[in-house]
Amino acid sequence: MPSVYLYIPNIIGYFRIIINFIAFAVCYSNKALFAVLYFFSFVLDGVDGWFARKFNQASTFGAVLDMVTDRVSTACLLALLSQFYRPGLVFLILLGLDITSHWFQMYSSFLSGKTSHKDVKHTGNWLLKLYYGYRPFMAFCCVSCEVLYIILFLFADEKSTSLLSACKGLLNQSPIIILVFISTLVGWAVKQVTNVIQMKTAADACVVYDLKRSKRKA
C-alpha cells in the first residue's frame, strides 16, 4: 500500500506548489505567464479531487494540503492587488475573510468529528448547503473569484489605480471581456457572502462545543 504522501492527488498538490512558486517569481516581469501558470494551478485543484475519487485516495493530509495551497496562493495574489489598487485595504480585508472563514470551518469540523470541512448537512443555511452540496455551483463561485482577481491583475497599471476606475474601465472593453467581468463579479460576490455565512456558522459551532464542554465539567 503506497504512502499517503505518494498518493496521486498529493503529488499533483506538490506540483501545484511548484507552479505557484514559478508564477509568483515572474509576476512582475511577465504578467501573462503568471496568469497562465496561476490559473493552471487552480485547474489542477479540481483535477486532484477527481483523482482522489477515482482511485479512492482521499486523505486528511491531501485535504489540508489542498486548502493550504489554495489559501496561500489566493492570499499572495490579493496581497499583490493591494499594491496596485486603491484602497488596498479592500484586498487585505478579502484576504483576512478568506483565511478566517476557512480556518473556522476546518476547526469546527474537527471539533464536530467530521471527516471533511465540506460536510454541512446539519447546518440550517441553504446557501452553505448549496455551495458545498452542488459541485457546479461551488466551481462557478471559485472559478469566478480567481478569474476576477486575475483580470484585475492583468489590467493593473504600474501606478496605484483607483479600484472603482479600473472596474469602470473594464466595462469599456470588448463585449466578451465585459461579459466575463460581470459573470465573475456575480460569482465572486456569492462566494464572499458564503464566506461570511461559513465563518458565522463555524464560530457558532465552536461556541456550542464550548457550552457542551462546560456543562460536562459542571
N, C-alpha and C. Protein backbone atom coordinates (compact mmCIF):
# COMPACT_ATOMS: atom_id res chain seq x y z
N MET A 1 0.85 -1.19 0.00
CA MET A 1 0.00 0.00 0.00
C MET A 1 0.89 1.25 0.00
N PRO A 2 0.74 2.16 -0.97
CA PRO A 2 1.63 3.31 -1.06
C PRO A 2 1.43 4.29 0.09
N SER A 3 2.48 4.98 0.42
CA SER A 3 2.38 6.01 1.45
C SER A 3 1.40 7.09 1.01
N VAL A 4 0.70 7.67 1.98
CA VAL A 4 -0.25 8.75 1.69
C VAL A 4 0.45 9.90 0.97
N TYR A 5 1.71 10.11 1.32
CA TYR A 5 2.48 11.19 0.69
C TYR A 5 2.62 10.98 -0.82
N LEU A 6 2.53 9.72 -1.25
CA LEU A 6 2.72 9.40 -2.66
C LEU A 6 1.41 9.15 -3.40
N TYR A 7 0.29 9.46 -2.77
CA TYR A 7 -0.99 9.37 -3.46
C TYR A 7 -0.96 10.32 -4.66
N ILE A 8 -1.59 9.91 -5.75
CA ILE A 8 -1.60 10.73 -6.96
C ILE A 8 -2.12 12.15 -6.71
N PRO A 9 -3.24 12.33 -5.98
CA PRO A 9 -3.73 13.70 -5.74
C PRO A 9 -2.72 14.55 -4.98
N ASN A 10 -1.98 13.92 -4.06
CA ASN A 10 -1.00 14.68 -3.28
C ASN A 10 0.23 15.05 -4.11
N ILE A 11 0.61 14.18 -5.03
CA ILE A 11 1.71 14.50 -5.96
C ILE A 11 1.31 15.69 -6.83
N ILE A 12 0.05 15.69 -7.26
CA ILE A 12 -0.46 16.85 -8.03
C ILE A 12 -0.40 18.10 -7.16
N GLY A 13 -0.69 17.93 -5.87
CA GLY A 13 -0.62 19.06 -4.93
C GLY A 13 0.78 19.64 -4.84
N TYR A 14 1.81 18.77 -4.80
CA TYR A 14 3.20 19.25 -4.77
C TYR A 14 3.52 20.01 -6.06
N PHE A 15 3.01 19.48 -7.17
CA PHE A 15 3.24 20.11 -8.47
C PHE A 15 2.60 21.50 -8.49
N ARG A 16 1.42 21.64 -7.89
CA ARG A 16 0.75 22.95 -7.81
C ARG A 16 1.60 23.96 -7.05
N ILE A 17 2.23 23.50 -5.98
CA ILE A 17 3.07 24.40 -5.18
C ILE A 17 4.24 24.91 -6.01
N ILE A 18 4.87 24.01 -6.77
CA ILE A 18 6.00 24.40 -7.63
C ILE A 18 5.54 25.41 -8.69
N ILE A 19 4.38 25.15 -9.30
CA ILE A 19 3.84 26.06 -10.32
C ILE A 19 3.59 27.44 -9.72
N ASN A 20 3.04 27.47 -8.52
CA ASN A 20 2.77 28.76 -7.88
C ASN A 20 4.06 29.51 -7.55
N PHE A 21 5.08 28.79 -7.14
CA PHE A 21 6.37 29.43 -6.87
C PHE A 21 6.88 30.11 -8.15
N ILE A 22 6.82 29.38 -9.26
CA ILE A 22 7.28 29.93 -10.53
C ILE A 22 6.43 31.13 -10.94
N ALA A 23 5.10 30.99 -10.77
CA ALA A 23 4.18 32.05 -11.17
C ALA A 23 4.49 33.35 -10.44
N PHE A 24 4.63 33.27 -9.13
CA PHE A 24 4.87 34.50 -8.36
C PHE A 24 6.30 35.02 -8.55
N ALA A 25 7.21 34.15 -8.98
CA ALA A 25 8.57 34.60 -9.26
C ALA A 25 8.61 35.49 -10.50
N VAL A 26 7.65 35.28 -11.44
CA VAL A 26 7.65 36.06 -12.68
C VAL A 26 6.49 37.06 -12.74
N CYS A 27 5.77 37.23 -11.62
CA CYS A 27 4.54 38.04 -11.65
C CYS A 27 4.78 39.49 -12.07
N TYR A 28 5.95 40.04 -11.78
CA TYR A 28 6.22 41.43 -12.15
C TYR A 28 6.82 41.53 -13.56
N SER A 29 7.57 40.54 -13.95
CA SER A 29 8.26 40.61 -15.24
C SER A 29 7.41 40.09 -16.41
N ASN A 30 6.48 39.18 -16.11
CA ASN A 30 5.68 38.58 -17.18
C ASN A 30 4.27 38.29 -16.66
N LYS A 31 3.39 39.27 -16.77
CA LYS A 31 2.03 39.12 -16.23
C LYS A 31 1.24 38.01 -16.91
N ALA A 32 1.41 37.91 -18.23
CA ALA A 32 0.66 36.90 -18.98
C ALA A 32 1.05 35.48 -18.53
N LEU A 33 2.35 35.25 -18.38
CA LEU A 33 2.82 33.94 -17.94
C LEU A 33 2.32 33.65 -16.53
N PHE A 34 2.35 34.66 -15.67
CA PHE A 34 1.83 34.49 -14.31
C PHE A 34 0.37 34.05 -14.35
N ALA A 35 -0.44 34.73 -15.16
CA ALA A 35 -1.87 34.43 -15.25
C ALA A 35 -2.09 32.99 -15.70
N VAL A 36 -1.33 32.56 -16.70
CA VAL A 36 -1.48 31.19 -17.22
C VAL A 36 -1.10 30.17 -16.16
N LEU A 37 0.05 30.37 -15.52
CA LEU A 37 0.53 29.42 -14.51
C LEU A 37 -0.41 29.38 -13.30
N TYR A 38 -0.84 30.55 -12.86
CA TYR A 38 -1.73 30.63 -11.69
C TYR A 38 -3.04 29.91 -11.97
N PHE A 39 -3.61 30.17 -13.15
CA PHE A 39 -4.89 29.54 -13.49
C PHE A 39 -4.72 28.03 -13.68
N PHE A 40 -3.59 27.61 -14.25
CA PHE A 40 -3.32 26.19 -14.43
C PHE A 40 -3.25 25.49 -13.08
N SER A 41 -2.60 26.12 -12.12
CA SER A 41 -2.53 25.56 -10.77
C SER A 41 -3.92 25.44 -10.17
N PHE A 42 -4.75 26.44 -10.43
CA PHE A 42 -6.13 26.41 -9.92
C PHE A 42 -6.92 25.27 -10.56
N VAL A 43 -6.74 25.05 -11.85
CA VAL A 43 -7.42 23.95 -12.55
C VAL A 43 -7.00 22.60 -11.96
N LEU A 44 -5.71 22.48 -11.63
CA LEU A 44 -5.21 21.23 -11.05
C LEU A 44 -5.87 20.93 -9.71
N ASP A 45 -6.38 21.96 -9.05
CA ASP A 45 -7.09 21.77 -7.79
C ASP A 45 -8.32 20.89 -7.99
N GLY A 46 -8.98 21.07 -9.13
CA GLY A 46 -10.12 20.22 -9.46
C GLY A 46 -9.70 18.85 -9.95
N VAL A 47 -8.57 18.81 -10.65
CA VAL A 47 -8.06 17.54 -11.18
C VAL A 47 -7.66 16.59 -10.06
N ASP A 48 -7.00 17.11 -9.03
CA ASP A 48 -6.57 16.22 -7.94
C ASP A 48 -7.78 15.66 -7.19
N GLY A 49 -8.86 16.44 -7.12
CA GLY A 49 -10.08 15.94 -6.49
C GLY A 49 -10.67 14.78 -7.28
N TRP A 50 -10.60 14.89 -8.60
CA TRP A 50 -11.12 13.81 -9.46
C TRP A 50 -10.30 12.54 -9.26
N PHE A 51 -8.98 12.69 -9.21
CA PHE A 51 -8.12 11.53 -9.00
C PHE A 51 -8.36 10.90 -7.62
N ALA A 52 -8.60 11.76 -6.62
CA ALA A 52 -8.85 11.25 -5.27
C ALA A 52 -10.09 10.37 -5.25
N ARG A 53 -11.14 10.79 -5.95
CA ARG A 53 -12.37 10.00 -6.00
C ARG A 53 -12.21 8.77 -6.91
N LYS A 54 -11.51 8.94 -8.01
CA LYS A 54 -11.34 7.86 -8.99
C LYS A 54 -10.56 6.69 -8.41
N PHE A 55 -9.48 6.97 -7.69
CA PHE A 55 -8.61 5.92 -7.16
C PHE A 55 -8.78 5.72 -5.65
N ASN A 56 -9.84 6.30 -5.10
CA ASN A 56 -10.11 6.17 -3.66
C ASN A 56 -8.89 6.57 -2.83
N GLN A 57 -8.32 7.72 -3.18
CA GLN A 57 -7.11 8.19 -2.50
C GLN A 57 -7.35 9.52 -1.77
N ALA A 58 -8.57 9.70 -1.31
CA ALA A 58 -8.85 10.89 -0.49
C ALA A 58 -8.16 10.71 0.85
N SER A 59 -7.57 11.79 1.36
CA SER A 59 -6.87 11.71 2.64
C SER A 59 -6.97 13.03 3.38
N THR A 60 -6.83 12.96 4.70
CA THR A 60 -6.84 14.18 5.51
C THR A 60 -5.66 15.06 5.14
N PHE A 61 -4.49 14.43 4.95
CA PHE A 61 -3.31 15.19 4.55
C PHE A 61 -3.55 15.92 3.23
N GLY A 62 -4.17 15.22 2.28
CA GLY A 62 -4.44 15.83 0.98
C GLY A 62 -5.41 17.00 1.08
N ALA A 63 -6.42 16.85 1.93
CA ALA A 63 -7.40 17.92 2.11
C ALA A 63 -6.74 19.16 2.71
N VAL A 64 -5.88 18.95 3.70
CA VAL A 64 -5.18 20.08 4.32
C VAL A 64 -4.19 20.71 3.34
N LEU A 65 -3.46 19.86 2.61
CA LEU A 65 -2.50 20.36 1.62
C LEU A 65 -3.22 21.22 0.57
N ASP A 66 -4.36 20.73 0.13
CA ASP A 66 -5.17 21.44 -0.86
C ASP A 66 -5.59 22.81 -0.34
N MET A 67 -6.15 22.82 0.87
CA MET A 67 -6.66 24.06 1.42
C MET A 67 -5.54 25.06 1.68
N VAL A 68 -4.42 24.60 2.23
CA VAL A 68 -3.30 25.50 2.50
C VAL A 68 -2.78 26.10 1.19
N THR A 69 -2.63 25.26 0.16
CA THR A 69 -2.16 25.75 -1.14
C THR A 69 -3.12 26.79 -1.71
N ASP A 70 -4.42 26.49 -1.64
CA ASP A 70 -5.43 27.43 -2.14
C ASP A 70 -5.38 28.75 -1.40
N ARG A 71 -5.37 28.66 -0.07
CA ARG A 71 -5.42 29.88 0.73
C ARG A 71 -4.16 30.73 0.55
N VAL A 72 -3.00 30.09 0.52
CA VAL A 72 -1.74 30.83 0.39
C VAL A 72 -1.64 31.49 -0.99
N SER A 73 -1.99 30.75 -2.05
CA SER A 73 -1.89 31.31 -3.39
C SER A 73 -2.86 32.48 -3.58
N THR A 74 -4.09 32.32 -3.09
CA THR A 74 -5.06 33.41 -3.18
C THR A 74 -4.61 34.60 -2.35
N ALA A 75 -4.08 34.33 -1.16
CA ALA A 75 -3.60 35.40 -0.29
C ALA A 75 -2.47 36.19 -0.95
N CYS A 76 -1.56 35.50 -1.60
CA CYS A 76 -0.45 36.17 -2.28
C CYS A 76 -0.95 37.05 -3.43
N LEU A 77 -1.94 36.55 -4.17
CA LEU A 77 -2.49 37.34 -5.27
C LEU A 77 -3.23 38.57 -4.74
N LEU A 78 -3.98 38.40 -3.66
CA LEU A 78 -4.68 39.55 -3.06
C LEU A 78 -3.69 40.57 -2.51
N ALA A 79 -2.59 40.08 -1.96
CA ALA A 79 -1.55 40.98 -1.47
C ALA A 79 -0.95 41.79 -2.63
N LEU A 80 -0.76 41.13 -3.77
CA LEU A 80 -0.26 41.83 -4.97
C LEU A 80 -1.24 42.92 -5.40
N LEU A 81 -2.52 42.55 -5.46
CA LEU A 81 -3.55 43.51 -5.90
C LEU A 81 -3.63 44.70 -4.95
N SER A 82 -3.37 44.47 -3.68
CA SER A 82 -3.42 45.58 -2.71
C SER A 82 -2.32 46.60 -2.98
N GLN A 83 -1.27 46.18 -3.73
CA GLN A 83 -0.18 47.09 -4.08
C GLN A 83 -0.53 47.92 -5.31
N PHE A 84 -1.41 47.35 -6.17
CA PHE A 84 -1.72 48.00 -7.44
C PHE A 84 -2.93 48.93 -7.38
N TYR A 85 -3.84 48.66 -6.45
CA TYR A 85 -5.10 49.41 -6.43
C TYR A 85 -5.32 50.15 -5.12
N ARG A 86 -6.10 51.25 -5.24
CA ARG A 86 -6.54 51.99 -4.07
C ARG A 86 -8.05 51.81 -3.92
N PRO A 87 -8.59 51.59 -2.74
CA PRO A 87 -7.84 51.34 -1.50
C PRO A 87 -7.39 49.89 -1.40
N GLY A 88 -6.10 49.72 -1.09
CA GLY A 88 -5.55 48.37 -1.00
C GLY A 88 -6.15 47.58 0.16
N LEU A 89 -6.73 48.31 1.12
CA LEU A 89 -7.32 47.65 2.28
C LEU A 89 -8.44 46.70 1.88
N VAL A 90 -9.11 46.98 0.77
CA VAL A 90 -10.20 46.12 0.29
C VAL A 90 -9.70 44.70 0.10
N PHE A 91 -8.54 44.57 -0.55
CA PHE A 91 -8.00 43.25 -0.84
C PHE A 91 -7.46 42.57 0.42
N LEU A 92 -6.94 43.36 1.35
CA LEU A 92 -6.46 42.79 2.61
C LEU A 92 -7.62 42.28 3.46
N ILE A 93 -8.75 42.97 3.40
CA ILE A 93 -9.95 42.51 4.11
C ILE A 93 -10.44 41.20 3.50
N LEU A 94 -10.44 41.13 2.17
CA LEU A 94 -10.85 39.90 1.48
C LEU A 94 -9.91 38.75 1.84
N LEU A 95 -8.62 39.05 1.94
CA LEU A 95 -7.62 38.06 2.33
C LEU A 95 -7.94 37.52 3.73
N GLY A 96 -8.19 38.44 4.66
CA GLY A 96 -8.50 38.06 6.03
C GLY A 96 -9.77 37.23 6.12
N LEU A 97 -10.81 37.64 5.38
CA LEU A 97 -12.07 36.91 5.39
C LEU A 97 -11.89 35.50 4.85
N ASP A 98 -11.14 35.36 3.78
CA ASP A 98 -10.93 34.05 3.15
C ASP A 98 -10.25 33.09 4.12
N ILE A 99 -9.17 33.54 4.75
CA ILE A 99 -8.42 32.68 5.66
C ILE A 99 -9.22 32.38 6.92
N THR A 100 -9.83 33.41 7.51
CA THR A 100 -10.58 33.23 8.75
C THR A 100 -11.76 32.30 8.56
N SER A 101 -12.50 32.51 7.47
CA SER A 101 -13.67 31.68 7.20
C SER A 101 -13.30 30.21 7.07
N HIS A 102 -12.27 29.91 6.31
CA HIS A 102 -11.88 28.52 6.10
C HIS A 102 -11.22 27.90 7.34
N TRP A 103 -10.50 28.71 8.10
CA TRP A 103 -9.89 28.19 9.32
C TRP A 103 -10.96 27.82 10.34
N PHE A 104 -11.94 28.70 10.52
CA PHE A 104 -13.05 28.41 11.43
C PHE A 104 -13.78 27.14 10.99
N GLN A 105 -14.02 27.03 9.68
CA GLN A 105 -14.74 25.88 9.15
C GLN A 105 -13.97 24.58 9.38
N MET A 106 -12.67 24.60 9.12
CA MET A 106 -11.85 23.42 9.33
C MET A 106 -11.84 23.01 10.81
N TYR A 107 -11.65 24.00 11.68
CA TYR A 107 -11.52 23.68 13.11
C TYR A 107 -12.85 23.22 13.70
N SER A 108 -13.95 23.85 13.30
CA SER A 108 -15.26 23.44 13.81
C SER A 108 -15.61 22.04 13.32
N SER A 109 -15.19 21.71 12.09
CA SER A 109 -15.42 20.37 11.56
C SER A 109 -14.64 19.34 12.37
N PHE A 110 -13.42 19.71 12.75
CA PHE A 110 -12.58 18.83 13.57
C PHE A 110 -13.24 18.59 14.94
N LEU A 111 -13.76 19.66 15.55
CA LEU A 111 -14.41 19.54 16.85
C LEU A 111 -15.67 18.68 16.79
N SER A 112 -16.34 18.76 15.63
CA SER A 112 -17.59 18.01 15.47
C SER A 112 -17.36 16.56 15.07
N GLY A 113 -16.10 16.19 14.83
CA GLY A 113 -15.78 14.82 14.46
C GLY A 113 -16.07 14.50 13.02
N LYS A 114 -16.21 15.54 12.17
CA LYS A 114 -16.48 15.31 10.75
C LYS A 114 -15.18 14.97 10.02
N THR A 115 -15.31 14.19 8.97
CA THR A 115 -14.13 13.81 8.21
C THR A 115 -13.77 14.84 7.14
N SER A 116 -14.69 15.76 6.86
CA SER A 116 -14.44 16.78 5.83
C SER A 116 -15.08 18.10 6.25
N HIS A 117 -14.38 19.19 5.94
CA HIS A 117 -14.93 20.52 6.24
C HIS A 117 -16.09 20.87 5.30
N LYS A 118 -16.26 20.04 4.25
CA LYS A 118 -17.35 20.27 3.30
C LYS A 118 -18.65 19.61 3.72
N ASP A 119 -18.61 18.91 4.85
CA ASP A 119 -19.82 18.27 5.37
C ASP A 119 -20.64 19.30 6.13
N VAL A 120 -21.66 19.84 5.47
CA VAL A 120 -22.51 20.88 6.09
C VAL A 120 -23.97 20.44 6.12
N LYS A 121 -24.18 19.12 6.16
CA LYS A 121 -25.56 18.59 6.12
C LYS A 121 -26.40 19.09 7.28
N HIS A 122 -25.76 19.32 8.43
CA HIS A 122 -26.52 19.68 9.62
C HIS A 122 -26.69 21.19 9.80
N THR A 123 -26.14 21.96 8.89
CA THR A 123 -26.31 23.41 9.01
C THR A 123 -27.69 23.81 8.51
N GLY A 124 -28.20 24.92 9.02
CA GLY A 124 -29.53 25.36 8.62
C GLY A 124 -29.52 26.36 7.49
N ASN A 125 -28.33 26.71 6.99
CA ASN A 125 -28.25 27.72 5.94
C ASN A 125 -28.29 27.09 4.55
N TRP A 126 -29.25 27.51 3.74
CA TRP A 126 -29.45 26.90 2.41
C TRP A 126 -28.31 27.23 1.46
N LEU A 127 -27.74 28.46 1.57
CA LEU A 127 -26.67 28.84 0.65
C LEU A 127 -25.42 28.01 0.90
N LEU A 128 -25.11 27.77 2.17
CA LEU A 128 -23.93 26.96 2.51
C LEU A 128 -24.13 25.52 2.04
N LYS A 129 -25.34 25.01 2.17
CA LYS A 129 -25.64 23.66 1.70
C LYS A 129 -25.52 23.58 0.18
N LEU A 130 -26.00 24.62 -0.51
CA LEU A 130 -25.92 24.65 -1.97
C LEU A 130 -24.46 24.74 -2.42
N TYR A 131 -23.68 25.55 -1.72
CA TYR A 131 -22.28 25.77 -2.08
C TYR A 131 -21.48 24.48 -1.99
N TYR A 132 -21.60 23.76 -0.89
CA TYR A 132 -20.82 22.55 -0.70
C TYR A 132 -21.51 21.29 -1.24
N GLY A 133 -22.82 21.38 -1.45
CA GLY A 133 -23.56 20.20 -1.88
C GLY A 133 -23.71 20.07 -3.38
N TYR A 134 -23.56 21.16 -4.11
CA TYR A 134 -23.73 21.13 -5.57
C TYR A 134 -22.43 21.59 -6.22
N ARG A 135 -21.63 20.66 -6.69
CA ARG A 135 -20.29 20.96 -7.18
C ARG A 135 -20.23 22.02 -8.29
N PRO A 136 -21.15 21.98 -9.29
CA PRO A 136 -21.09 23.01 -10.34
C PRO A 136 -21.24 24.43 -9.80
N PHE A 137 -22.08 24.59 -8.78
CA PHE A 137 -22.27 25.91 -8.18
C PHE A 137 -21.01 26.36 -7.45
N MET A 138 -20.44 25.45 -6.70
CA MET A 138 -19.19 25.75 -5.99
C MET A 138 -18.07 26.07 -6.97
N ALA A 139 -18.00 25.29 -8.06
CA ALA A 139 -16.97 25.52 -9.07
C ALA A 139 -17.14 26.89 -9.71
N PHE A 140 -18.39 27.26 -10.00
CA PHE A 140 -18.66 28.58 -10.61
C PHE A 140 -18.17 29.70 -9.69
N CYS A 141 -18.49 29.61 -8.41
CA CYS A 141 -18.10 30.66 -7.46
C CYS A 141 -16.58 30.74 -7.32
N CYS A 142 -15.93 29.59 -7.19
CA CYS A 142 -14.47 29.56 -7.00
C CYS A 142 -13.74 30.05 -8.25
N VAL A 143 -14.16 29.55 -9.41
CA VAL A 143 -13.53 29.97 -10.66
C VAL A 143 -13.75 31.46 -10.89
N SER A 144 -14.96 31.94 -10.63
CA SER A 144 -15.27 33.37 -10.80
C SER A 144 -14.36 34.23 -9.95
N CYS A 145 -14.17 33.82 -8.72
CA CYS A 145 -13.35 34.58 -7.78
C CYS A 145 -11.90 34.69 -8.28
N GLU A 146 -11.32 33.56 -8.66
CA GLU A 146 -9.93 33.57 -9.09
C GLU A 146 -9.75 34.28 -10.43
N VAL A 147 -10.69 34.08 -11.35
CA VAL A 147 -10.59 34.72 -12.66
C VAL A 147 -10.74 36.23 -12.51
N LEU A 148 -11.62 36.68 -11.63
CA LEU A 148 -11.77 38.12 -11.39
C LEU A 148 -10.47 38.72 -10.89
N TYR A 149 -9.82 38.05 -9.96
CA TYR A 149 -8.55 38.55 -9.43
C TYR A 149 -7.47 38.57 -10.52
N ILE A 150 -7.48 37.55 -11.38
CA ILE A 150 -6.51 37.51 -12.48
C ILE A 150 -6.75 38.66 -13.46
N ILE A 151 -8.02 38.92 -13.76
CA ILE A 151 -8.37 40.03 -14.67
C ILE A 151 -7.88 41.36 -14.09
N LEU A 152 -8.15 41.57 -12.82
CA LEU A 152 -7.71 42.81 -12.17
C LEU A 152 -6.19 42.92 -12.19
N PHE A 153 -5.52 41.79 -12.02
CA PHE A 153 -4.06 41.79 -12.06
C PHE A 153 -3.55 42.15 -13.45
N LEU A 154 -4.14 41.56 -14.47
CA LEU A 154 -3.70 41.80 -15.84
C LEU A 154 -3.95 43.25 -16.28
N PHE A 155 -5.00 43.86 -15.78
CA PHE A 155 -5.34 45.22 -16.18
C PHE A 155 -4.77 46.28 -15.23
N ALA A 156 -4.00 45.84 -14.24
CA ALA A 156 -3.42 46.79 -13.29
C ALA A 156 -2.28 47.58 -13.94
N ASP A 157 -2.21 48.86 -13.60
CA ASP A 157 -1.11 49.71 -14.05
C ASP A 157 0.05 49.60 -13.07
N GLU A 158 1.19 50.10 -13.49
CA GLU A 158 2.33 50.12 -12.58
C GLU A 158 2.09 51.10 -11.44
N LYS A 159 1.33 52.16 -11.74
CA LYS A 159 0.98 53.13 -10.70
C LYS A 159 -0.26 52.65 -9.95
N SER A 160 -0.39 53.09 -8.71
CA SER A 160 -1.56 52.73 -7.92
C SER A 160 -2.81 53.35 -8.54
N THR A 161 -3.80 52.53 -8.85
CA THR A 161 -5.00 52.96 -9.55
C THR A 161 -6.22 52.80 -8.66
N SER A 162 -7.20 53.65 -8.85
CA SER A 162 -8.45 53.53 -8.13
C SER A 162 -9.16 52.26 -8.59
N LEU A 163 -9.59 51.45 -7.64
CA LEU A 163 -10.28 50.19 -7.97
C LEU A 163 -11.58 50.48 -8.73
N LEU A 164 -12.27 51.51 -8.32
CA LEU A 164 -13.53 51.87 -8.97
C LEU A 164 -13.29 52.28 -10.42
N SER A 165 -12.22 53.06 -10.65
CA SER A 165 -11.89 53.49 -12.00
C SER A 165 -11.51 52.30 -12.88
N ALA A 166 -10.80 51.34 -12.29
CA ALA A 166 -10.40 50.16 -13.05
C ALA A 166 -11.62 49.34 -13.46
N CYS A 167 -12.59 49.22 -12.57
CA CYS A 167 -13.81 48.47 -12.88
C CYS A 167 -14.61 49.18 -13.98
N LYS A 168 -14.67 50.51 -13.92
CA LYS A 168 -15.34 51.27 -14.97
C LYS A 168 -14.63 51.09 -16.30
N GLY A 169 -13.29 51.04 -16.25
CA GLY A 169 -12.51 50.84 -17.46
C GLY A 169 -12.77 49.49 -18.09
N LEU A 170 -12.95 48.47 -17.25
CA LEU A 170 -13.22 47.12 -17.76
C LEU A 170 -14.57 47.06 -18.46
N LEU A 171 -15.51 47.91 -18.03
CA LEU A 171 -16.83 47.95 -18.66
C LEU A 171 -16.80 48.65 -20.02
N ASN A 172 -15.65 49.23 -20.35
CA ASN A 172 -15.48 49.87 -21.67
C ASN A 172 -14.67 49.00 -22.63
N GLN A 173 -14.40 47.77 -22.21
CA GLN A 173 -13.63 46.86 -23.06
C GLN A 173 -14.56 46.15 -24.05
N SER A 174 -14.05 45.12 -24.71
CA SER A 174 -14.84 44.36 -25.68
C SER A 174 -16.00 43.65 -24.98
N PRO A 175 -17.07 43.33 -25.71
CA PRO A 175 -18.23 42.65 -25.11
C PRO A 175 -17.88 41.36 -24.38
N ILE A 176 -16.90 40.61 -24.89
CA ILE A 176 -16.51 39.35 -24.25
C ILE A 176 -15.91 39.62 -22.87
N ILE A 177 -15.01 40.61 -22.80
CA ILE A 177 -14.39 40.95 -21.52
C ILE A 177 -15.44 41.47 -20.54
N ILE A 178 -16.36 42.27 -21.03
CA ILE A 178 -17.43 42.79 -20.17
C ILE A 178 -18.27 41.64 -19.61
N LEU A 179 -18.63 40.68 -20.49
CA LEU A 179 -19.44 39.53 -20.06
C LEU A 179 -18.70 38.70 -19.01
N VAL A 180 -17.42 38.44 -19.26
CA VAL A 180 -16.62 37.66 -18.31
C VAL A 180 -16.50 38.42 -16.99
N PHE A 181 -16.26 39.72 -17.07
CA PHE A 181 -16.09 40.54 -15.87
C PHE A 181 -17.36 40.53 -15.02
N ILE A 182 -18.51 40.74 -15.63
CA ILE A 182 -19.76 40.78 -14.88
C ILE A 182 -20.10 39.40 -14.31
N SER A 183 -19.89 38.36 -15.10
CA SER A 183 -20.16 36.99 -14.64
C SER A 183 -19.30 36.63 -13.43
N THR A 184 -18.01 36.94 -13.54
CA THR A 184 -17.11 36.62 -12.43
C THR A 184 -17.41 37.48 -11.20
N LEU A 185 -17.87 38.70 -11.43
CA LEU A 185 -18.22 39.58 -10.33
C LEU A 185 -19.39 39.00 -9.52
N VAL A 186 -20.36 38.43 -10.23
CA VAL A 186 -21.51 37.80 -9.57
C VAL A 186 -21.05 36.59 -8.75
N GLY A 187 -20.24 35.72 -9.37
CA GLY A 187 -19.74 34.54 -8.66
C GLY A 187 -18.88 34.93 -7.47
N TRP A 188 -18.07 35.98 -7.65
CA TRP A 188 -17.23 36.47 -6.56
C TRP A 188 -18.07 36.95 -5.39
N ALA A 189 -19.13 37.71 -5.68
CA ALA A 189 -19.99 38.26 -4.63
C ALA A 189 -20.66 37.14 -3.84
N VAL A 190 -21.14 36.12 -4.55
CA VAL A 190 -21.79 34.98 -3.87
C VAL A 190 -20.79 34.27 -2.96
N LYS A 191 -19.56 34.13 -3.44
CA LYS A 191 -18.55 33.44 -2.62
C LYS A 191 -18.21 34.23 -1.36
N GLN A 192 -18.18 35.56 -1.46
CA GLN A 192 -17.89 36.36 -0.27
C GLN A 192 -19.01 36.26 0.75
N VAL A 193 -20.25 36.26 0.27
CA VAL A 193 -21.40 36.08 1.16
C VAL A 193 -21.32 34.71 1.83
N THR A 194 -20.97 33.70 1.03
CA THR A 194 -20.83 32.35 1.57
C THR A 194 -19.73 32.28 2.61
N ASN A 195 -18.62 32.99 2.38
CA ASN A 195 -17.52 33.02 3.34
C ASN A 195 -17.97 33.60 4.68
N VAL A 196 -18.76 34.68 4.62
CA VAL A 196 -19.25 35.32 5.84
C VAL A 196 -20.18 34.36 6.59
N ILE A 197 -21.10 33.72 5.86
CA ILE A 197 -22.03 32.77 6.48
C ILE A 197 -21.27 31.59 7.07
N GLN A 198 -20.28 31.10 6.34
CA GLN A 198 -19.47 29.97 6.81
C GLN A 198 -18.74 30.33 8.08
N MET A 199 -18.16 31.52 8.13
CA MET A 199 -17.43 31.96 9.31
C MET A 199 -18.35 32.04 10.53
N LYS A 200 -19.54 32.63 10.34
CA LYS A 200 -20.50 32.76 11.45
C LYS A 200 -21.01 31.39 11.89
N THR A 201 -21.35 30.52 10.95
CA THR A 201 -21.86 29.19 11.29
C THR A 201 -20.81 28.37 12.03
N ALA A 202 -19.56 28.44 11.55
CA ALA A 202 -18.47 27.70 12.18
C ALA A 202 -18.16 28.26 13.56
N ALA A 203 -18.22 29.58 13.71
CA ALA A 203 -17.99 30.20 15.02
C ALA A 203 -19.06 29.76 16.01
N ASP A 204 -20.31 29.70 15.54
CA ASP A 204 -21.41 29.23 16.39
C ASP A 204 -21.17 27.79 16.84
N ALA A 205 -20.66 26.96 15.93
CA ALA A 205 -20.38 25.57 16.26
C ALA A 205 -19.30 25.46 17.34
N CYS A 206 -18.30 26.34 17.27
CA CYS A 206 -17.24 26.36 18.29
C CYS A 206 -17.81 26.77 19.65
N VAL A 207 -18.72 27.76 19.64
CA VAL A 207 -19.35 28.22 20.89
C VAL A 207 -20.21 27.11 21.50
N VAL A 208 -20.97 26.42 20.66
CA VAL A 208 -21.80 25.30 21.13
C VAL A 208 -20.92 24.22 21.76
N TYR A 209 -19.78 23.94 21.13
CA TYR A 209 -18.85 22.95 21.66
C TYR A 209 -18.36 23.38 23.05
N ASP A 210 -18.03 24.67 23.21
CA ASP A 210 -17.58 25.18 24.50
C ASP A 210 -18.66 25.06 25.56
N LEU A 211 -19.89 25.36 25.19
CA LEU A 211 -21.01 25.27 26.14
C LEU A 211 -21.23 23.83 26.61
N LYS A 212 -21.17 22.90 25.65
CA LYS A 212 -21.34 21.48 25.99
C LYS A 212 -20.22 21.01 26.90
N ARG A 213 -19.00 21.45 26.63
CA ARG A 213 -17.86 21.04 27.45
C ARG A 213 -17.98 21.61 28.86
N SER A 214 -18.49 22.85 28.98
CA SER A 214 -18.68 23.48 30.30
C SER A 214 -19.72 22.73 31.11
N LYS A 215 -20.78 22.28 30.43
CA LYS A 215 -21.83 21.53 31.13
C LYS A 215 -21.31 20.19 31.62
N ARG A 216 -20.46 19.55 30.82
CA ARG A 216 -19.90 18.26 31.22
C ARG A 216 -19.01 18.41 32.47
N LYS A 217 -18.25 19.52 32.49
CA LYS A 217 -17.37 19.77 33.64
C LYS A 217 -18.17 20.08 34.89
N ALA A 218 -19.32 20.77 34.68
CA ALA A 218 -20.16 21.13 35.82
C ALA A 218 -20.85 19.89 36.39
